[in-house]
Amino acid sequence: GAVLSVQRISPAQLQKSGASRWVVGIGGTNVSVSLPVAFMLQFADDVVLTAIDIQMPLAKAQFDTTGEQVQVQGLVSVELSRWSRPGEALHVSGLTEPILINLGINASRGVQCGYFDL
């Protein structure tokens, strides 16, 4: 299964709040996404954050580049789009402050982080 969270973000309201980051939790999980307010201020339109926490186990086995089967934890999908164009994902690069994604899992020996950027 999966847990979906969709949030509408108003850059104007974020600026008025005086906060430096805006944190969105995915309901009922330990997963969260933290966005720098300075980044959000570049958008005149409201922004939609869509985040999905994909719950384990995965139906299909996963393998690394050497062909060895790996255990996958903390699988999260995050997408930003303009409120006026919800189906078109924003492409983000060159940020002065990072977008932080808390995967909701404990770090342990041998755990590696990987990502796929569309």
PDB file of N, CA and C in Angstrom:
ATOM      1  N   GLY A   1       0.813  -1.178   0.000  1.00  0.00           N
ATOM      2  CA  GLY A   1       0.000   0.000   0.000  1.00  0.00           C
ATOM      3  C   GLY A   1       0.863   1.250   0.000  1.00  0.00           C
ATOM      4  N   ALA A   2       0.203   2.375  -0.010  1.00  0.00           N
ATOM      5  CA  ALA A   2       0.891   3.669  -0.027  1.00  0.00           C
ATOM      6  C   ALA A   2       0.065   4.700   0.722  1.00  0.00           C
ATOM      7  N   VAL A   3       0.744   5.720   1.235  1.00  0.00           N
ATOM      8  CA  VAL A   3       0.075   6.838   1.898  1.00  0.00           C
ATOM      9  C   VAL A   3       0.348   8.085   1.072  1.00  0.00           C
ATOM     10  N   LEU A   4      -0.710   8.753   0.637  1.00  0.00           N
ATOM     11  CA  LEU A   4      -0.611   9.932  -0.218  1.00  0.00           C
ATOM     12  C   LEU A   4      -0.932  11.184   0.591  1.00  0.00           C
ATOM     13  N   SER A   5      -0.143  12.227   0.365  1.00  0.00           N
ATOM     14  CA  SER A   5      -0.406  13.533   0.974  1.00  0.00           C
ATOM     15  C   SER A   5      -0.302  14.596  -0.112  1.00  0.00           C
ATOM     16  N   VAL A   6      -1.319  15.457  -0.203  1.00  0.00           N
ATOM     17  CA  VAL A   6      -1.311  16.552  -1.160  1.00  0.00           C
ATOM     18  C   VAL A   6      -1.567  17.842  -0.382  1.00  0.00           C
ATOM     19  N   GLN A   7      -0.667  18.811  -0.517  1.00  0.00           N
ATOM     20  CA  GLN A   7      -0.768  20.077   0.220  1.00  0.00           C
ATOM     21  C   GLN A   7      -0.679  21.251  -0.743  1.00  0.00           C
ATOM     22  N   ARG A   8      -1.543  22.222  -0.554  1.00  0.00           N
ATOM     23  CA  ARG A   8      -1.457  23.480  -1.300  1.00  0.00           C
ATOM     24  C   ARG A   8      -0.654  24.465  -0.464  1.00  0.00           C
ATOM     25  N   ILE A   9       0.328  25.087  -1.090  1.00  0.00           N
ATOM     26  CA  ILE A   9       1.237  25.991  -0.381  1.00  0.00           C
ATOM     27  C   ILE A   9       1.118  27.378  -0.997  1.00  0.00           C
ATOM     28  N   SER A  10       0.895  28.377  -0.161  1.00  0.00           N
ATOM     29  CA  SER A  10       0.826  29.761  -0.629  1.00  0.00           C
ATOM     30  C   SER A  10       2.135  30.469  -0.289  1.00  0.00           C
ATOM     31  N   PRO A  11       2.955  30.802  -1.300  1.00  0.00           N
ATOM     32  CA  PRO A  11       4.207  31.515  -1.018  1.00  0.00           C
ATOM     33  C   PRO A  11       3.978  32.823  -0.257  1.00  0.00           C
ATOM     34  N   ALA A  12       2.918  33.542  -0.567  1.00  0.00           N
ATOM     35  CA  ALA A  12       2.631  34.813   0.116  1.00  0.00           C
ATOM     36  C   ALA A  12       2.388  34.575   1.607  1.00  0.00           C
ATOM     37  N   GLN A  13       1.634  33.538   1.943  1.00  0.00           N
ATOM     38  CA  GLN A  13       1.373  33.241   3.358  1.00  0.00           C
ATOM     39  C   GLN A  13       2.631  32.765   4.070  1.00  0.00           C
ATOM     40  N   LEU A  14       3.471  32.006   3.376  1.00  0.00           N
ATOM     41  CA  LEU A  14       4.733  31.568   3.974  1.00  0.00           C
ATOM     42  C   LEU A  14       5.607  32.767   4.317  1.00  0.00           C
ATOM     43  N   GLN A  15       5.663  33.738   3.419  1.00  0.00           N
ATOM     44  CA  GLN A  15       6.473  34.928   3.654  1.00  0.00           C
ATOM     45  C   GLN A  15       5.951  35.701   4.864  1.00  0.00           C
ATOM     46  N   LYS A  16       4.646  35.834   4.994  1.00  0.00           N
ATOM     47  CA  LYS A  16       4.048  36.541   6.133  1.00  0.00           C
ATOM     48  C   LYS A  16       4.324  35.825   7.448  1.00  0.00           C
ATOM     49  N   SER A  17       4.442  34.497   7.401  1.00  0.00           N
ATOM     50  CA  SER A  17       4.639  33.725   8.633  1.00  0.00           C
ATOM     51  C   SER A  17       6.005  33.969   9.265  1.00  0.00           C
ATOM     52  N   GLY A  18       6.991  34.372   8.452  1.00  0.00           N
ATOM     53  CA  GLY A  18       8.334  34.603   8.973  1.00  0.00           C
ATOM     54  C   GLY A  18       9.152  33.329   9.127  1.00  0.00           C
ATOM     55  N   ALA A  19       8.583  32.194   8.779  1.00  0.00           N
ATOM     56  CA  ALA A  19       9.300  30.913   8.888  1.00  0.00           C
ATOM     57  C   ALA A  19      10.364  30.814   7.797  1.00  0.00           C
ATOM     58  N   SER A  20      11.432  30.073   8.067  1.00  0.00           N
ATOM     59  CA  SER A  20      12.467  29.873   7.059  1.00  0.00           C
ATOM     60  C   SER A  20      12.266  28.576   6.280  1.00  0.00           C
ATOM     61  N   ARG A  21      11.513  27.625   6.874  1.00  0.00           N
ATOM     62  CA  ARG A  21      11.227  26.344   6.209  1.00  0.00           C
ATOM     63  C   ARG A  21       9.766  25.992   6.423  1.00  0.00           C
ATOM     64  N   TRP A  22       9.229  25.242   5.490  1.00  0.00           N
ATOM     65  CA  TRP A  22       7.866  24.749   5.608  1.00  0.00           C
ATOM     66  C   TRP A  22       7.920  23.237   5.554  1.00  0.00           C
ATOM     67  N   VAL A  23       7.422  22.574   6.594  1.00  0.00           N
ATOM     68  CA  VAL A  23       7.513  21.125   6.716  1.00  0.00           C
ATOM     69  C   VAL A  23       6.134  20.504   6.515  1.00  0.00           C
ATOM     70  N   VAL A  24       6.087  19.508   5.628  1.00  0.00           N
ATOM     71  CA  VAL A  24       4.851  18.778   5.348  1.00  0.00           C
ATOM     72  C   VAL A  24       5.066  17.332   5.753  1.00  0.00           C
ATOM     73  N   GLY A  25       4.210  16.826   6.635  1.00  0.00           N
ATOM     74  CA  GLY A  25       4.266  15.420   7.014  1.00  0.00           C
ATOM     75  C   GLY A  25       3.289  14.617   6.186  1.00  0.00           C
ATOM     76  N   ILE A  26       3.646  13.356   5.935  1.00  0.00           N
ATOM     77  CA  ILE A  26       2.728  12.456   5.244  1.00  0.00           C
ATOM     78  C   ILE A  26       1.939  11.738   6.319  1.00  0.00           C
ATOM     79  N   GLY A  27       0.653  12.021   6.372  1.00  0.00           N
ATOM     80  CA  GLY A  27      -0.235  11.577   7.438  1.00  0.00           C
ATOM     81  C   GLY A  27      -0.034  10.150   7.911  1.00  0.00           C
ATOM     82  N   GLY A  28       0.131   9.990   9.221  1.00  0.00           N
ATOM     83  CA  GLY A  28       0.239   8.682   9.834  1.00  0.00           C
ATOM     84  C   GLY A  28       1.575   7.986   9.645  1.00  0.00           C
ATOM     85  N   THR A  29       2.577   8.688   9.086  1.00  0.00           N
ATOM     86  CA  THR A  29       3.900   8.091   8.890  1.00  0.00           C
ATOM     87  C   THR A  29       4.950   9.004   9.527  1.00  0.00           C
ATOM     88  N   ASN A  30       6.200   8.564   9.519  1.00  0.00           N
ATOM     89  CA  ASN A  30       7.308   9.390  10.003  1.00  0.00           C
ATOM     90  C   ASN A  30       7.984  10.143   8.864  1.00  0.00           C
ATOM     91  N   VAL A  31       7.408  10.076   7.664  1.00  0.00           N
ATOM     92  CA  VAL A  31       7.984  10.720   6.487  1.00  0.00           C
ATOM     93  C   VAL A  31       7.573  12.184   6.452  1.00  0.00           C
ATOM     94  N   SER A  32       8.540  13.063   6.095  1.00  0.00           N
ATOM     95  CA  SER A  32       8.228  14.484   5.953  1.00  0.00           C
ATOM     96  C   SER A  32       9.103  15.105   4.868  1.00  0.00           C
ATOM     97  N   VAL A  33       8.622  16.236   4.345  1.00  0.00           N
ATOM     98  CA  VAL A  33       9.342  17.009   3.342  1.00  0.00           C
ATOM     99  C   VAL A  33       9.460  18.421   3.883  1.00  0.00           C
ATOM    100  N   SER A  34      10.678  18.975   3.873  1.00  0.00           N
ATOM    101  CA  SER A  34      10.938  20.323   4.383  1.00  0.00           C
ATOM    102  C   SER A  34      11.438  21.202   3.234  1.00  0.00           C
ATOM    103  N   LEU A  35      10.676  22.250   2.945  1.00  0.00           N
ATOM    104  CA  LEU A  35      10.992  23.145   1.830  1.00  0.00           C
ATOM    105  C   LEU A  35      11.495  24.487   2.337  1.00  0.00           C
ATOM    106  N   PRO A  36      12.566  25.030   1.742  1.00  0.00           N
ATOM    107  CA  PRO A  36      13.014  26.372   2.126  1.00  0.00           C
ATOM    108  C   PRO A  36      12.026  27.420   1.606  1.00  0.00           C
ATOM    109  N   VAL A  37      11.598  28.306   2.487  1.00  0.00           N
ATOM    110  CA  VAL A  37      10.644  29.352   2.112  1.00  0.00           C
ATOM    111  C   VAL A  37      11.227  30.245   1.020  1.00  0.00           C
ATOM    112  N   ALA A  38      12.516  30.548   1.078  1.00  0.00           N
ATOM    113  CA  ALA A  38      13.146  31.406   0.064  1.00  0.00           C
ATOM    114  C   ALA A  38      12.948  30.829  -1.336  1.00  0.00           C
ATOM    115  N   PHE A  39      13.028  29.519  -1.468  1.00  0.00           N
ATOM    116  CA  PHE A  39      12.796  28.856  -2.749  1.00  0.00           C
ATOM    117  C   PHE A  39      11.358  29.044  -3.202  1.00  0.00           C
ATOM    118  N   MET A  40      10.415  28.919  -2.276  1.00  0.00           N
ATOM    119  CA  MET A  40       8.993  29.002  -2.613  1.00  0.00           C
ATOM    120  C   MET A  40       8.575  30.393  -3.076  1.00  0.00           C
ATOM    121  N   LEU A  41       9.312  31.430  -2.640  1.00  0.00           N
ATOM    122  CA  LEU A  41       8.928  32.805  -2.963  1.00  0.00           C
ATOM    123  C   LEU A  41       9.089  33.153  -4.439  1.00  0.00           C
ATOM    124  N   GLN A  42       9.769  32.320  -5.206  1.00  0.00           N
ATOM    125  CA  GLN A  42       9.927  32.594  -6.634  1.00  0.00           C
ATOM    126  C   GLN A  42       8.648  32.338  -7.425  1.00  0.00           C
ATOM    127  N   PHE A  43       7.673  31.695  -6.815  1.00  0.00           N
ATOM    128  CA  PHE A  43       6.442  31.362  -7.510  1.00  0.00           C
ATOM    129  C   PHE A  43       5.338  32.342  -7.138  1.00  0.00           C
ATOM    130  N   ALA A  44       4.756  32.985  -8.146  1.00  0.00           N
ATOM    131  CA  ALA A  44       3.645  33.909  -7.912  1.00  0.00           C
ATOM    132  C   ALA A  44       2.374  33.123  -7.601  1.00  0.00           C
ATOM    133  N   ASP A  45       2.259  31.952  -8.199  1.00  0.00           N
ATOM    134  CA  ASP A  45       1.105  31.082  -8.029  1.00  0.00           C
ATOM    135  C   ASP A  45       1.321  30.191  -6.804  1.00  0.00           C
ATOM    136  N   ASP A  46       0.226  29.698  -6.218  1.00  0.00           N
ATOM    137  CA  ASP A  46       0.356  28.706  -5.164  1.00  0.00           C
ATOM    138  C   ASP A  46       0.980  27.440  -5.748  1.00  0.00           C
ATOM    139  N   VAL A  47       1.586  26.640  -4.875  1.00  0.00           N
ATOM    140  CA  VAL A  47       2.285  25.430  -5.284  1.00  0.00           C
ATOM    141  C   VAL A  47       1.609  24.230  -4.625  1.00  0.00           C
ATOM    142  N   VAL A  48       1.584  23.110  -5.344  1.00  0.00           N
ATOM    143  CA  VAL A  48       1.037  21.869  -4.815  1.00  0.00           C
ATOM    144  C   VAL A  48       2.194  20.903  -4.571  1.00  0.00           C
ATOM    145  N   LEU A  49       2.274  20.388  -3.353  1.00  0.00           N
ATOM    146  CA  LEU A  49       3.259  19.361  -3.005  1.00  0.00           C
ATOM    147  C   LEU A  49       2.512  18.036  -2.917  1.00  0.00           C
ATOM    148  N   THR A  50       2.937  17.068  -3.721  1.00  0.00           N
ATOM    149  CA  THR A  50       2.371  15.727  -3.672  1.00  0.00           C
ATOM    150  C   THR A  50       3.477  14.796  -3.196  1.00  0.00           C
ATOM    151  N   ALA A  51       3.216  14.078  -2.114  1.00  0.00           N
ATOM    152  CA  ALA A  51       4.210  13.157  -1.565  1.00  0.00           C
ATOM    153  C   ALA A  51       3.539  11.809  -1.311  1.00  0.00           C
ATOM    154  N   ILE A  52       4.246  10.749  -1.664  1.00  0.00           N
ATOM    155  CA  ILE A  52       3.727   9.396  -1.472  1.00  0.00           C
ATOM    156  C   ILE A  52       4.760   8.585  -0.702  1.00  0.00           C
ATOM    157  N   ASP A  53       4.341   7.971   0.390  1.00  0.00           N
ATOM    158  CA  ASP A  53       5.176   7.033   1.146  1.00  0.00           C
ATOM    159  C   ASP A  53       4.723   5.633   0.751  1.00  0.00           C
ATOM    160  N   ILE A  54       5.572   4.914   0.039  1.00  0.00           N
ATOM    161  CA  ILE A  54       5.227   3.573  -0.434  1.00  0.00           C
ATOM    162  C   ILE A  54       5.581   2.581   0.668  1.00  0.00           C
ATOM    163  N   GLN A  55       4.556   1.929   1.175  1.00  0.00           N
ATOM    164  CA  GLN A  55       4.712   1.015   2.300  1.00  0.00           C
ATOM    165  C   GLN A  55       5.269  -0.325   1.831  1.00  0.00           C
ATOM    166  N   MET A  56       5.991  -0.993   2.718  1.00  0.00           N
ATOM    167  CA  MET A  56       6.606  -2.276   2.409  1.00  0.00           C
ATOM    168  C   MET A  56       5.601  -3.392   2.636  1.00  0.00           C
ATOM    169  N   PRO A  57       5.772  -4.550   2.097  1.00  0.00           N
ATOM    170  CA  PRO A  57       6.851  -4.930   1.192  1.00  0.00           C
ATOM    171  C   PRO A  57       6.506  -4.587  -0.256  1.00  0.00           C
ATOM    172  N   LEU A  58       7.532  -4.426  -1.064  1.00  0.00           N
ATOM    173  CA  LEU A  58       7.326  -4.201  -2.492  1.00  0.00           C
ATOM    174  C   LEU A  58       6.939  -5.529  -3.137  1.00  0.00           C
ATOM    175  N   ALA A  59       6.071  -5.461  -4.110  1.00  0.00           N
ATOM    176  CA  ALA A  59       5.607  -6.673  -4.772  1.00  0.00           C
ATOM    177  C   ALA A  59       6.709  -7.311  -5.613  1.00  0.00           C
ATOM    178  N   LYS A  60       7.628  -6.512  -6.119  1.00  0.00           N
ATOM    179  CA  LYS A  60       8.665  -7.011  -7.016  1.00  0.00           C
ATOM    180  C   LYS A  60      10.036  -6.870  -6.341  1.00  0.00           C
ATOM    181  N   ALA A  61      10.868  -7.900  -6.461  1.00  0.00           N
ATOM    182  CA  ALA A  61      12.223  -7.857  -5.897  1.00  0.00           C
ATOM    183  C   ALA A  61      13.020  -6.729  -6.548  1.00  0.00           C
ATOM    184  N   GLN A  62      13.904  -6.092  -5.785  1.00  0.00           N
ATOM    185  CA  GLN A  62      14.732  -4.990  -6.268  1.00  0.00           C
ATOM    186  C   GLN A  62      16.194  -5.417  -6.288  1.00  0.00           C
ATOM    187  N   PHE A  63      16.953  -4.952  -7.306  1.00  0.00           N
ATOM    188  CA  PHE A  63      18.344  -5.349  -7.480  1.00  0.00           C
ATOM    189  C   PHE A  63      19.220  -4.120  -7.677  1.00  0.00           C
ATOM    190  N   ASP A  64      20.467  -4.197  -7.193  1.00  0.00           N
ATOM    191  CA  ASP A  64      21.408  -3.091  -7.419  1.00  0.00           C
ATOM    192  C   ASP A  64      22.050  -3.261  -8.793  1.00  0.00           C
ATOM    193  N   THR A  65      22.995  -2.376  -9.125  1.00  0.00           N
ATOM    194  CA  THR A  65      23.610  -2.388 -10.462  1.00  0.00           C
ATOM    195  C   THR A  65      24.458  -3.629 -10.726  1.00  0.00           C
ATOM    196  N   THR A  66      24.848  -4.351  -9.656  1.00  0.00           N
ATOM    197  CA  THR A  66      25.635  -5.579  -9.846  1.00  0.00           C
ATOM    198  C   THR A  66      24.740  -6.811  -9.969  1.00  0.00           C
ATOM    199  N   GLY A  67      23.441  -6.627  -9.832  1.00  0.00           N
ATOM    200  CA  GLY A  67      22.506  -7.741  -9.920  1.00  0.00           C
ATOM    201  C   GLY A  67      22.169  -8.381  -8.595  1.00  0.00           C
ATOM    202  N   GLU A  68      22.755  -7.853  -7.499  1.00  0.00           N
ATOM    203  CA  GLU A  68      22.477  -8.399  -6.173  1.00  0.00           C
ATOM    204  C   GLU A  68      21.134  -7.867  -5.676  1.00  0.00           C
ATOM    205  N   GLN A  69      20.308  -8.774  -5.108  1.00  0.00           N
ATOM    206  CA  GLN A  69      19.013  -8.357  -4.581  1.00  0.00           C
ATOM    207  C   GLN A  69      19.228  -7.505  -3.340  1.00  0.00           C
ATOM    208  N   VAL A  70      18.470  -6.428  -3.226  1.00  0.00           N
ATOM    209  CA  VAL A  70      18.592  -5.515  -2.092  1.00  0.00           C
ATOM    210  C   VAL A  70      17.238  -5.325  -1.428  1.00  0.00           C
ATOM    211  N   GLN A  71      17.273  -4.984  -0.142  1.00  0.00           N
ATOM    212  CA  GLN A  71      16.067  -4.663   0.596  1.00  0.00           C
ATOM    213  C   GLN A  71      15.830  -3.164   0.479  1.00  0.00           C
ATOM    214  N   VAL A  72      14.639  -2.772   0.106  1.00  0.00           N
ATOM    215  CA  VAL A  72      14.324  -1.359  -0.087  1.00  0.00           C
ATOM    216  C   VAL A  72      13.469  -0.871   1.073  1.00  0.00           C
ATOM    217  N   GLN A  73      13.894   0.249   1.689  1.00  0.00           N
ATOM    218  CA  GLN A  73      13.147   0.879   2.778  1.00  0.00           C
ATOM    219  C   GLN A  73      13.070   2.369   2.501  1.00  0.00           C
ATOM    220  N   GLY A  74      12.064   3.024   3.046  1.00  0.00           N
ATOM    221  CA  GLY A  74      11.981   4.476   2.931  1.00  0.00           C
ATOM    222  C   GLY A  74      11.746   4.945   1.516  1.00  0.00           C
ATOM    223  N   LEU A  75      10.875   4.262   0.788  1.00  0.00           N
ATOM    224  CA  LEU A  75      10.601   4.625  -0.596  1.00  0.00           C
ATOM    225  C   LEU A  75       9.565   5.751  -0.624  1.00  0.00           C
ATOM    226  N   VAL A  76       9.989   6.928  -1.118  1.00  0.00           N
ATOM    227  CA  VAL A  76       9.149   8.122  -1.097  1.00  0.00           C
ATOM    228  C   VAL A  76       9.197   8.800  -2.462  1.00  0.00           C
ATOM    229  N   SER A  77       8.054   9.290  -2.910  1.00  0.00           N
ATOM    230  CA  SER A  77       7.974  10.064  -4.146  1.00  0.00           C
ATOM    231  C   SER A  77       7.500  11.472  -3.787  1.00  0.00           C
ATOM    232  N   VAL A  78       8.199  12.495  -4.302  1.00  0.00           N
ATOM    233  CA  VAL A  78       7.842  13.889  -4.017  1.00  0.00           C
ATOM    234  C   VAL A  78       7.757  14.644  -5.340  1.00  0.00           C
ATOM    235  N   GLU A  79       6.691  15.425  -5.506  1.00  0.00           N
ATOM    236  CA  GLU A  79       6.520  16.218  -6.722  1.00  0.00           C
ATOM    237  C   GLU A  79       5.945  17.579  -6.366  1.00  0.00           C
ATOM    238  N   LEU A  80       6.468  18.626  -6.997  1.00  0.00           N
ATOM    239  CA  LEU A  80       5.951  19.986  -6.853  1.00  0.00           C
ATOM    240  C   LEU A  80       5.367  20.428  -8.182  1.00  0.00           C
ATOM    241  N   SER A  81       4.227  21.119  -8.137  1.00  0.00           N
ATOM    242  CA  SER A  81       3.631  21.682  -9.342  1.00  0.00           C
ATOM    243  C   SER A  81       2.921  22.981  -8.985  1.00  0.00           C
ATOM    244  N   ARG A  82       2.658  23.795  -9.990  1.00  0.00           N
ATOM    245  CA  ARG A  82       1.897  25.028  -9.772  1.00  0.00           C
ATOM    246  C   ARG A  82       0.420  24.674  -9.590  1.00  0.00           C
ATOM    247  N   TRP A  83      -0.261  25.440  -8.736  1.00  0.00           N
ATOM    248  CA  TRP A  83      -1.692  25.231  -8.495  1.00  0.00           C
ATOM    249  C   TRP A  83      -2.473  25.349  -9.805  1.00  0.00           C
ATOM    250  N   SER A  84      -2.066  26.269 -10.658  1.00  0.00           N
ATOM    251  CA  SER A  84      -2.758  26.489 -11.929  1.00  0.00           C
ATOM    252  C   SER A  84      -2.462  25.403 -12.966  1.00  0.00           C
ATOM    253  N   ARG A  85      -1.417  24.591 -12.710  1.00  0.00           N
ATOM    254  CA  ARG A  85      -1.032  23.512 -13.643  1.00  0.00           C
ATOM    255  C   ARG A  85      -0.641  22.268 -12.844  1.00  0.00           C
ATOM    256  N   PRO A  86      -1.600  21.651 -12.161  1.00  0.00           N
ATOM    257  CA  PRO A  86      -1.272  20.553 -11.247  1.00  0.00           C
ATOM    258  C   PRO A  86      -0.663  19.321 -11.895  1.00  0.00           C
ATOM    259  N   GLY A  87      -0.848  19.105 -13.188  1.00  0.00           N
ATOM    260  CA  GLY A  87      -0.299  17.927 -13.835  1.00  0.00           C
ATOM    261  C   GLY A  87       1.122  18.097 -14.345  1.00  0.00           C
ATOM    262  N   GLU A  88       1.669  19.309 -14.240  1.00  0.00           N
ATOM    263  CA  GLU A  88       3.011  19.586 -14.752  1.00  0.00           C
ATOM    264  C   GLU A  88       3.991  19.772 -13.594  1.00  0.00           C
ATOM    265  N   ALA A  89       4.879  18.808 -13.423  1.00  0.00           N
ATOM    266  CA  ALA A  89       5.852  18.870 -12.322  1.00  0.00           C
ATOM    267  C   ALA A  89       6.850  20.001 -12.557  1.00  0.00           C
ATOM    268  N   LEU A  90       7.205  20.705 -11.479  1.00  0.00           N
ATOM    269  CA  LEU A  90       8.249  21.730 -11.539  1.00  0.00           C
ATOM    270  C   LEU A  90       9.614  21.051 -11.516  1.00  0.00           C
ATOM    271  N   HIS A  91      10.533  21.547 -12.307  1.00  0.00           N
ATOM    272  CA  HIS A  91      11.910  21.046 -12.277  1.00  0.00           C
ATOM    273  C   HIS A  91      12.713  21.989 -11.402  1.00  0.00           C
ATOM    274  N   VAL A  92      13.394  21.432 -10.416  1.00  0.00           N
ATOM    275  CA  VAL A  92      14.084  22.213  -9.400  1.00  0.00           C
ATOM    276  C   VAL A  92      15.578  21.939  -9.485  1.00  0.00           C
ATOM    277  N   SER A  93      16.380  23.023  -9.503  1.00  0.00           N
ATOM    278  CA  SER A  93      17.837  22.860  -9.484  1.00  0.00           C
ATOM    279  C   SER A  93      18.477  24.135  -8.957  1.00  0.00           C
ATOM    280  N   GLY A  94      19.734  24.031  -8.552  1.00  0.00           N
ATOM    281  CA  GLY A  94      20.508  25.195  -8.129  1.00  0.00           C
ATOM    282  C   GLY A  94      20.010  25.875  -6.867  1.00  0.00           C
ATOM    283  N   LEU A  95      19.428  25.131  -5.943  1.00  0.00           N
ATOM    284  CA  LEU A  95      18.909  25.732  -4.709  1.00  0.00           C
ATOM    285  C   LEU A  95      20.052  26.154  -3.787  1.00  0.00           C
ATOM    286  N   THR A  96      19.889  27.291  -3.109  1.00  0.00           N
ATOM    287  CA  THR A  96      20.879  27.702  -2.113  1.00  0.00           C
ATOM    288  C   THR A  96      20.666  26.941  -0.807  1.00  0.00           C
ATOM    289  N   GLU A  97      19.441  26.507  -0.552  1.00  0.00           N
ATOM    290  CA  GLU A  97      19.109  25.666   0.603  1.00  0.00           C
ATOM    291  C   GLU A  97      18.438  24.405   0.062  1.00  0.00           C
ATOM    292  N   PRO A  98      18.731  23.255   0.642  1.00  0.00           N
ATOM    293  CA  PRO A  98      18.177  22.013   0.100  1.00  0.00           C
ATOM    294  C   PRO A  98      16.715  21.782   0.484  1.00  0.00           C
ATOM    295  N   ILE A  99      16.044  20.981  -0.319  1.00  0.00           N
ATOM    296  CA  ILE A  99      14.766  20.400   0.070  1.00  0.00           C
ATOM    297  C   ILE A  99      15.135  19.139   0.842  1.00  0.00           C
ATOM    298  N   LEU A 100      14.640  19.016   2.061  1.00  0.00           N
ATOM    299  CA  LEU A 100      14.985  17.876   2.913  1.00  0.00           C
ATOM    300  C   LEU A 100      13.838  16.877   2.933  1.00  0.00           C
ATOM    301  N   ILE A 101      14.167  15.606   2.748  1.00  0.00           N
ATOM    302  CA  ILE A 101      13.167  14.547   2.782  1.00  0.00           C
ATOM    303  C   ILE A 101      13.554  13.565   3.877  1.00  0.00           C
ATOM    304  N   ASN A 102      12.710  13.455   4.904  1.00  0.00           N
ATOM    305  CA  ASN A 102      12.917  12.496   5.982  1.00  0.00           C
ATOM    306  C   ASN A 102      12.228  11.208   5.562  1.00  0.00           C
ATOM    307  N   LEU A 103      12.990  10.143   5.376  1.00  0.00           N
ATOM    308  CA  LEU A 103      12.452   8.882   4.871  1.00  0.00           C
ATOM    309  C   LEU A 103      11.699   8.075   5.920  1.00  0.00           C
ATOM    310  N   GLY A 104      11.797   8.471   7.177  1.00  0.00           N
ATOM    311  CA  GLY A 104      11.048   7.782   8.220  1.00  0.00           C
ATOM    312  C   GLY A 104      11.595   6.423   8.600  1.00  0.00           C
ATOM    313  N   ILE A 105      12.881   6.178   8.335  1.00  0.00           N
ATOM    314  CA  ILE A 105      13.497   4.907   8.727  1.00  0.00           C
ATOM    315  C   ILE A 105      14.723   5.196   9.575  1.00  0.00           C
ATOM    316  N   ASN A 106      15.134   4.202  10.341  1.00  0.00           N
ATOM    317  CA  ASN A 106      16.334   4.344  11.157  1.00  0.00           C
ATOM    318  C   ASN A 106      17.573   4.017  10.332  1.00  0.00           C
ATOM    319  N   ALA A 107      18.611   4.808  10.510  1.00  0.00           N
ATOM    320  CA  ALA A 107      19.886   4.528   9.847  1.00  0.00           C
ATOM    321  C   ALA A 107      20.564   3.376  10.576  1.00  0.00           C
ATOM    322  N   SER A 108      21.196   2.503   9.814  1.00  0.00           N
ATOM    323  CA  SER A 108      21.944   1.407  10.415  1.00  0.00           C
ATOM    324  C   SER A 108      23.105   1.048   9.498  1.00  0.00           C
ATOM    325  N   ARG A 109      24.014   0.245  10.015  1.00  0.00           N
ATOM    326  CA  ARG A 109      25.202  -0.147   9.260  1.00  0.00           C
ATOM    327  C   ARG A 109      24.785  -0.815   7.945  1.00  0.00           C
ATOM    328  N   GLY A 110      25.430  -0.400   6.871  1.00  0.00           N
ATOM    329  CA  GLY A 110      25.170  -0.999   5.574  1.00  0.00           C
ATOM    330  C   GLY A 110      24.034  -0.364   4.780  1.00  0.00           C
ATOM    331  N   VAL A 111      23.293   0.553   5.395  1.00  0.00           N
ATOM    332  CA  VAL A 111      22.186   1.205   4.694  1.00  0.00           C
ATOM    333  C   VAL A 111      22.742   2.307   3.809  1.00  0.00           C
ATOM    334  N   GLN A 112      22.292   2.351   2.564  1.00  0.00           N
ATOM    335  CA  GLN A 112      22.721   3.370   1.622  1.00  0.00           C
ATOM    336  C   GLN A 112      21.506   4.110   1.108  1.00  0.00           C
ATOM    337  N   CYS A 113      21.708   5.372   0.758  1.00  0.00           N
ATOM    338  CA  CYS A 113      20.618   6.178   0.225  1.00  0.00           C
ATOM    339  C   CYS A 113      20.805   6.270  -1.294  1.00  0.00           C
ATOM    340  N   GLY A 114      19.721   6.124  -2.000  1.00  0.00           N
ATOM    341  CA  GLY A 114      19.745   6.265  -3.448  1.00  0.00           C
ATOM    342  C   GLY A 114      18.526   7.055  -3.882  1.00  0.00           C
ATOM    343  N   TYR A 115      18.603   7.622  -5.071  1.00  0.00           N
ATOM    344  CA  TYR A 115      17.441   8.365  -5.550  1.00  0.00           C
ATOM    345  C   TYR A 115      17.358   8.261  -7.063  1.00  0.00           C
ATOM    346  N   PHE A 116      16.154   8.505  -7.540  1.00  0.00           N
ATOM    347  CA  PHE A 116      15.904   8.532  -8.966  1.00  0.00           C
ATOM    348  C   PHE A 116      15.251   9.861  -9.269  1.00  0.00           C
ATOM    349  N   ASP A 117      15.855  10.649 -10.106  1.00  0.00           N
ATOM    350  CA  ASP A 117      15.379  11.989 -10.427  1.00  0.00           C
ATOM    351  C   ASP A 117      14.819  11.996 -11.843  1.00  0.00           C
ATOM    352  N   LEU A 118      13.517  12.189 -11.922  1.00  0.00           N
ATOM    353  CA  LEU A 118      12.901  12.236 -13.255  1.00  0.00           C
ATOM    354  C   LEU A 118      13.296  13.507 -13.893  1.00  0.00           C
TER     355      LEU A 118
END
